[in-house]
């Protein structure tokens, strides 16, 4: 079985995949800060007011992982590259830095 190549993806498909990646990356990055707040409240102040956020954050991150895989397959990234993007997204602020780097790399391909 062969992997799809960049030539099999239209610029419109790539643009859509990039937009979905951007939106989910930003939402996942913001959700990370809410998760940090939840952990500070729970473990630092014994306050369970945001305990429900943890599974929501997990769902958001899974959607981001799917968007990363979708874009990565369309662009032709290796699995290792996609995993690296997901790992970097687990570090506060780096999610935003990596999102900008990916957009700068992929956006010229959408023209």
N, C-alpha and C. Protein backbone atom coordinates (compact mmCIF):
# COMPACT_ATOMS: atom_id res chain seq x y z
N UNK A 1 0.85 -1.17 0.00
CA UNK A 1 0.00 0.00 0.00
C UNK A 1 0.89 1.24 0.00
N UNK A 2 0.57 2.19 -0.84
CA UNK A 2 1.39 3.39 -0.92
C UNK A 2 0.76 4.51 -0.11
N UNK A 3 1.64 5.39 0.37
CA UNK A 3 1.17 6.55 1.11
C UNK A 3 0.73 7.62 0.14
N UNK A 4 -0.32 8.39 0.50
CA UNK A 4 -0.71 9.48 -0.37
C UNK A 4 0.42 10.51 -0.44
N UNK A 5 0.61 11.07 -1.59
CA UNK A 5 1.64 12.08 -1.75
C UNK A 5 1.00 13.45 -1.87
N UNK A 6 1.81 14.45 -1.75
CA UNK A 6 1.34 15.83 -1.84
C UNK A 6 0.61 16.09 -3.14
N UNK A 7 1.01 15.45 -4.22
CA UNK A 7 0.40 15.70 -5.53
C UNK A 7 -1.03 15.18 -5.60
N UNK A 8 -1.42 14.26 -4.71
CA UNK A 8 -2.78 13.72 -4.72
C UNK A 8 -3.75 14.58 -3.91
N UNK A 9 -3.24 15.61 -3.28
CA UNK A 9 -4.06 16.49 -2.45
C UNK A 9 -4.19 17.84 -3.15
N UNK A 10 -5.42 18.30 -3.31
CA UNK A 10 -5.63 19.59 -3.96
C UNK A 10 -5.31 20.72 -2.97
N UNK A 11 -4.99 21.89 -3.48
CA UNK A 11 -4.75 23.03 -2.58
C UNK A 11 -5.94 23.33 -1.67
N UNK A 12 -7.16 23.14 -2.18
CA UNK A 12 -8.34 23.38 -1.34
C UNK A 12 -8.42 22.39 -0.18
N UNK A 13 -8.14 21.12 -0.45
CA UNK A 13 -8.14 20.12 0.62
C UNK A 13 -7.07 20.43 1.65
N UNK A 14 -5.92 20.86 1.18
CA UNK A 14 -4.82 21.20 2.08
C UNK A 14 -5.16 22.44 2.90
N UNK A 15 -5.78 23.42 2.27
CA UNK A 15 -6.18 24.64 2.98
C UNK A 15 -7.20 24.31 4.07
N UNK A 16 -8.15 23.44 3.76
CA UNK A 16 -9.14 23.04 4.76
C UNK A 16 -8.48 22.30 5.92
N UNK A 17 -7.59 21.37 5.62
CA UNK A 17 -6.88 20.62 6.65
C UNK A 17 -6.04 21.55 7.52
N UNK A 18 -5.41 22.54 6.90
CA UNK A 18 -4.60 23.49 7.66
C UNK A 18 -5.47 24.36 8.57
N UNK A 19 -6.62 24.78 8.08
CA UNK A 19 -7.53 25.59 8.90
C UNK A 19 -8.01 24.79 10.10
N UNK A 20 -8.39 23.54 9.89
CA UNK A 20 -8.83 22.69 11.00
C UNK A 20 -7.69 22.49 11.99
N UNK A 21 -6.48 22.27 11.48
CA UNK A 21 -5.31 22.13 12.36
C UNK A 21 -5.11 23.39 13.18
N UNK A 22 -5.16 24.56 12.54
CA UNK A 22 -4.94 25.82 13.25
C UNK A 22 -5.95 26.02 14.36
N UNK A 23 -7.22 25.83 14.06
CA UNK A 23 -8.28 26.04 15.04
C UNK A 23 -8.12 25.07 16.21
N UNK A 24 -7.90 23.79 15.91
CA UNK A 24 -7.77 22.82 17.00
C UNK A 24 -6.49 23.03 17.80
N UNK A 25 -5.42 23.48 17.15
CA UNK A 25 -4.17 23.75 17.88
C UNK A 25 -4.35 24.90 18.87
N UNK A 26 -5.03 25.95 18.43
CA UNK A 26 -5.26 27.09 19.32
C UNK A 26 -6.19 26.71 20.46
N UNK A 27 -7.25 25.98 20.15
CA UNK A 27 -8.18 25.55 21.21
C UNK A 27 -7.47 24.62 22.20
N UNK A 28 -6.67 23.69 21.69
CA UNK A 28 -5.94 22.77 22.58
C UNK A 28 -4.92 23.52 23.43
N UNK A 29 -4.28 24.53 22.86
CA UNK A 29 -3.33 25.33 23.62
C UNK A 29 -4.01 26.10 24.74
N UNK A 30 -5.16 26.68 24.45
CA UNK A 30 -5.92 27.38 25.48
C UNK A 30 -6.47 26.42 26.53
N UNK A 31 -6.91 25.26 26.07
CA UNK A 31 -7.44 24.25 26.99
C UNK A 31 -6.37 23.77 27.97
N UNK A 32 -5.10 23.79 27.52
CA UNK A 32 -4.00 23.40 28.40
C UNK A 32 -3.92 24.33 29.61
N UNK A 33 -4.14 25.63 29.40
CA UNK A 33 -4.08 26.57 30.51
C UNK A 33 -5.23 26.36 31.49
N UNK A 34 -6.41 26.01 30.98
CA UNK A 34 -7.52 25.69 31.88
C UNK A 34 -7.19 24.42 32.66
N UNK A 35 -6.56 23.45 32.01
CA UNK A 35 -6.16 22.22 32.71
C UNK A 35 -5.15 22.53 33.82
N UNK A 36 -4.21 23.42 33.53
CA UNK A 36 -3.24 23.81 34.56
C UNK A 36 -3.96 24.49 35.73
N UNK A 37 -4.91 25.36 35.43
CA UNK A 37 -5.70 25.99 36.48
C UNK A 37 -6.44 24.94 37.29
N UNK A 38 -7.03 23.97 36.60
CA UNK A 38 -7.75 22.89 37.30
C UNK A 38 -6.82 22.14 38.24
N UNK A 39 -5.60 21.85 37.80
CA UNK A 39 -4.66 21.10 38.63
C UNK A 39 -4.21 21.93 39.84
N UNK A 40 -3.98 23.23 39.64
CA UNK A 40 -3.60 24.10 40.75
C UNK A 40 -4.72 24.15 41.78
N UNK A 41 -5.96 24.32 41.30
CA UNK A 41 -7.09 24.36 42.22
C UNK A 41 -7.25 23.04 42.97
N UNK A 42 -7.16 21.94 42.23
CA UNK A 42 -7.40 20.63 42.84
C UNK A 42 -6.30 20.23 43.82
N UNK A 43 -5.05 20.30 43.37
CA UNK A 43 -3.96 19.79 44.19
C UNK A 43 -3.35 20.85 45.11
N UNK A 44 -3.47 22.12 44.73
CA UNK A 44 -2.88 23.17 45.56
C UNK A 44 -3.84 23.77 46.55
N UNK A 45 -5.13 23.76 46.20
CA UNK A 45 -6.11 24.42 47.06
C UNK A 45 -7.25 23.49 47.48
N UNK A 46 -7.15 22.23 47.13
CA UNK A 46 -8.17 21.23 47.48
C UNK A 46 -9.57 21.67 47.05
N UNK A 47 -9.64 22.22 45.82
CA UNK A 47 -10.89 22.71 45.28
C UNK A 47 -11.21 21.91 44.01
N UNK A 48 -12.34 21.24 43.99
CA UNK A 48 -12.71 20.37 42.87
C UNK A 48 -13.66 21.02 41.87
N UNK A 49 -13.71 22.34 41.84
CA UNK A 49 -14.68 23.04 41.00
C UNK A 49 -14.48 22.74 39.51
N UNK A 50 -13.25 22.50 39.06
CA UNK A 50 -13.00 22.25 37.64
C UNK A 50 -12.62 20.79 37.34
N UNK A 51 -12.96 19.89 38.22
CA UNK A 51 -12.61 18.49 38.01
C UNK A 51 -13.17 17.94 36.70
N UNK A 52 -14.28 18.44 36.26
CA UNK A 52 -14.91 17.99 35.01
C UNK A 52 -14.08 18.37 33.78
N UNK A 53 -13.13 19.31 33.93
CA UNK A 53 -12.39 19.80 32.76
C UNK A 53 -11.42 18.77 32.18
N UNK A 54 -10.86 17.92 33.00
CA UNK A 54 -9.85 16.98 32.55
C UNK A 54 -10.32 16.11 31.38
N UNK A 55 -11.49 15.46 31.45
CA UNK A 55 -11.94 14.68 30.30
C UNK A 55 -12.27 15.54 29.08
N UNK A 56 -12.74 16.76 29.31
CA UNK A 56 -13.02 17.66 28.19
C UNK A 56 -11.71 18.00 27.48
N UNK A 57 -10.68 18.30 28.26
CA UNK A 57 -9.37 18.59 27.68
C UNK A 57 -8.86 17.38 26.88
N UNK A 58 -9.06 16.19 27.41
CA UNK A 58 -8.64 14.98 26.70
C UNK A 58 -9.34 14.84 25.36
N UNK A 59 -10.62 15.13 25.32
CA UNK A 59 -11.37 15.08 24.06
C UNK A 59 -10.85 16.13 23.08
N UNK A 60 -10.62 17.33 23.57
CA UNK A 60 -10.08 18.39 22.71
C UNK A 60 -8.74 17.96 22.14
N UNK A 61 -7.89 17.36 22.96
CA UNK A 61 -6.57 16.95 22.48
C UNK A 61 -6.68 15.83 21.45
N UNK A 62 -7.65 14.93 21.62
CA UNK A 62 -7.83 13.87 20.63
C UNK A 62 -8.27 14.44 19.28
N UNK A 63 -9.12 15.46 19.30
CA UNK A 63 -9.53 16.11 18.06
C UNK A 63 -8.32 16.79 17.41
N UNK A 64 -7.48 17.43 18.23
CA UNK A 64 -6.25 18.04 17.72
C UNK A 64 -5.33 16.97 17.12
N UNK A 65 -5.22 15.82 17.77
CA UNK A 65 -4.38 14.73 17.24
C UNK A 65 -4.91 14.25 15.89
N UNK A 66 -6.23 14.15 15.76
CA UNK A 66 -6.82 13.74 14.48
C UNK A 66 -6.56 14.80 13.40
N UNK A 67 -6.66 16.07 13.77
CA UNK A 67 -6.39 17.15 12.81
C UNK A 67 -4.93 17.15 12.39
N UNK A 68 -4.04 16.85 13.33
CA UNK A 68 -2.61 16.77 13.02
C UNK A 68 -2.34 15.61 12.06
N UNK A 69 -2.95 14.46 12.33
CA UNK A 69 -2.78 13.31 11.44
C UNK A 69 -3.35 13.60 10.05
N UNK A 70 -4.51 14.23 10.00
CA UNK A 70 -5.13 14.57 8.72
C UNK A 70 -4.21 15.48 7.90
N UNK A 71 -3.71 16.54 8.52
CA UNK A 71 -2.81 17.45 7.82
C UNK A 71 -1.51 16.75 7.46
N UNK A 72 -0.97 16.01 8.40
CA UNK A 72 0.30 15.33 8.17
C UNK A 72 0.25 14.35 7.01
N UNK A 73 -0.83 13.61 6.90
CA UNK A 73 -0.96 12.66 5.80
C UNK A 73 -1.10 13.39 4.46
N UNK A 74 -1.79 14.52 4.48
CA UNK A 74 -1.97 15.29 3.25
C UNK A 74 -0.65 15.94 2.80
N UNK A 75 0.16 16.37 3.76
CA UNK A 75 1.43 17.03 3.44
C UNK A 75 2.52 16.00 3.17
N UNK A 76 2.40 14.82 3.78
CA UNK A 76 3.41 13.78 3.59
C UNK A 76 4.42 13.70 4.72
N UNK A 77 4.03 14.15 5.92
CA UNK A 77 4.92 14.05 7.07
C UNK A 77 5.08 12.61 7.51
N UNK A 78 6.18 12.33 8.16
CA UNK A 78 6.38 11.01 8.75
C UNK A 78 5.57 10.91 10.04
N UNK A 79 5.36 9.69 10.50
CA UNK A 79 4.65 9.49 11.77
C UNK A 79 5.43 10.15 12.90
N UNK A 80 6.74 10.06 12.84
CA UNK A 80 7.57 10.68 13.87
C UNK A 80 7.37 12.19 13.94
N UNK A 81 7.23 12.81 12.80
CA UNK A 81 7.00 14.26 12.76
C UNK A 81 5.65 14.61 13.39
N UNK A 82 4.64 13.81 13.09
CA UNK A 82 3.32 14.07 13.67
C UNK A 82 3.34 13.87 15.18
N UNK A 83 4.04 12.84 15.64
CA UNK A 83 4.15 12.60 17.08
C UNK A 83 4.90 13.74 17.75
N UNK A 84 5.94 14.24 17.12
CA UNK A 84 6.69 15.37 17.68
C UNK A 84 5.80 16.59 17.85
N UNK A 85 4.96 16.87 16.88
CA UNK A 85 4.03 17.99 16.98
C UNK A 85 3.09 17.80 18.17
N UNK A 86 2.61 16.57 18.36
CA UNK A 86 1.71 16.30 19.49
C UNK A 86 2.43 16.43 20.83
N UNK A 87 3.67 15.97 20.88
CA UNK A 87 4.44 16.09 22.12
C UNK A 87 4.70 17.56 22.45
N UNK A 88 5.08 18.33 21.44
CA UNK A 88 5.34 19.76 21.67
C UNK A 88 4.08 20.48 22.12
N UNK A 89 2.92 20.02 21.68
CA UNK A 89 1.65 20.64 22.07
C UNK A 89 1.33 20.39 23.54
N UNK A 90 2.01 19.47 24.17
CA UNK A 90 1.79 19.17 25.59
C UNK A 90 2.55 20.14 26.50
N UNK A 91 3.37 20.99 25.92
CA UNK A 91 4.16 21.93 26.70
C UNK A 91 3.52 23.31 26.55
N UNK A 92 3.09 23.92 27.66
CA UNK A 92 2.43 25.23 27.55
C UNK A 92 3.25 26.22 26.74
N UNK A 93 2.59 27.03 25.97
CA UNK A 93 3.13 28.04 25.06
C UNK A 93 3.73 27.44 23.79
N UNK A 94 4.37 26.26 23.87
CA UNK A 94 4.95 25.67 22.67
C UNK A 94 3.88 25.25 21.67
N UNK A 95 2.67 24.98 22.15
CA UNK A 95 1.57 24.65 21.23
C UNK A 95 1.35 25.80 20.24
N UNK A 96 1.43 27.03 20.74
CA UNK A 96 1.21 28.20 19.88
C UNK A 96 2.41 28.42 18.95
N UNK A 97 3.60 28.21 19.46
CA UNK A 97 4.82 28.37 18.66
C UNK A 97 4.82 27.34 17.52
N UNK A 98 4.51 26.10 17.85
CA UNK A 98 4.50 25.04 16.84
C UNK A 98 3.39 25.27 15.81
N UNK A 99 2.24 25.76 16.25
CA UNK A 99 1.15 26.05 15.32
C UNK A 99 1.60 27.08 14.29
N UNK A 100 2.27 28.13 14.73
CA UNK A 100 2.75 29.16 13.81
C UNK A 100 3.80 28.61 12.85
N UNK A 101 4.69 27.75 13.36
CA UNK A 101 5.73 27.16 12.52
C UNK A 101 5.12 26.28 11.43
N UNK A 102 4.14 25.48 11.81
CA UNK A 102 3.47 24.59 10.84
C UNK A 102 2.75 25.42 9.79
N UNK A 103 2.06 26.47 10.22
CA UNK A 103 1.35 27.32 9.26
C UNK A 103 2.32 27.96 8.28
N UNK A 104 3.44 28.47 8.76
CA UNK A 104 4.44 29.07 7.85
C UNK A 104 4.97 28.04 6.84
N UNK A 105 5.08 26.79 7.27
CA UNK A 105 5.59 25.74 6.39
C UNK A 105 4.55 25.30 5.36
N UNK A 106 3.31 25.15 5.79
CA UNK A 106 2.28 24.53 4.94
C UNK A 106 1.52 25.54 4.10
N UNK A 107 1.36 26.75 4.59
CA UNK A 107 0.54 27.75 3.87
C UNK A 107 0.98 27.97 2.43
N UNK A 108 2.28 28.04 2.12
CA UNK A 108 2.66 28.21 0.71
C UNK A 108 2.18 27.05 -0.19
N UNK A 109 1.98 25.89 0.37
CA UNK A 109 1.52 24.74 -0.41
C UNK A 109 0.04 24.84 -0.78
N UNK A 110 -0.69 25.75 -0.13
CA UNK A 110 -2.13 25.87 -0.38
C UNK A 110 -2.45 26.79 -1.54
N UNK A 111 -1.42 27.35 -2.13
CA UNK A 111 -1.65 28.30 -3.24
C UNK A 111 -1.61 27.61 -4.56
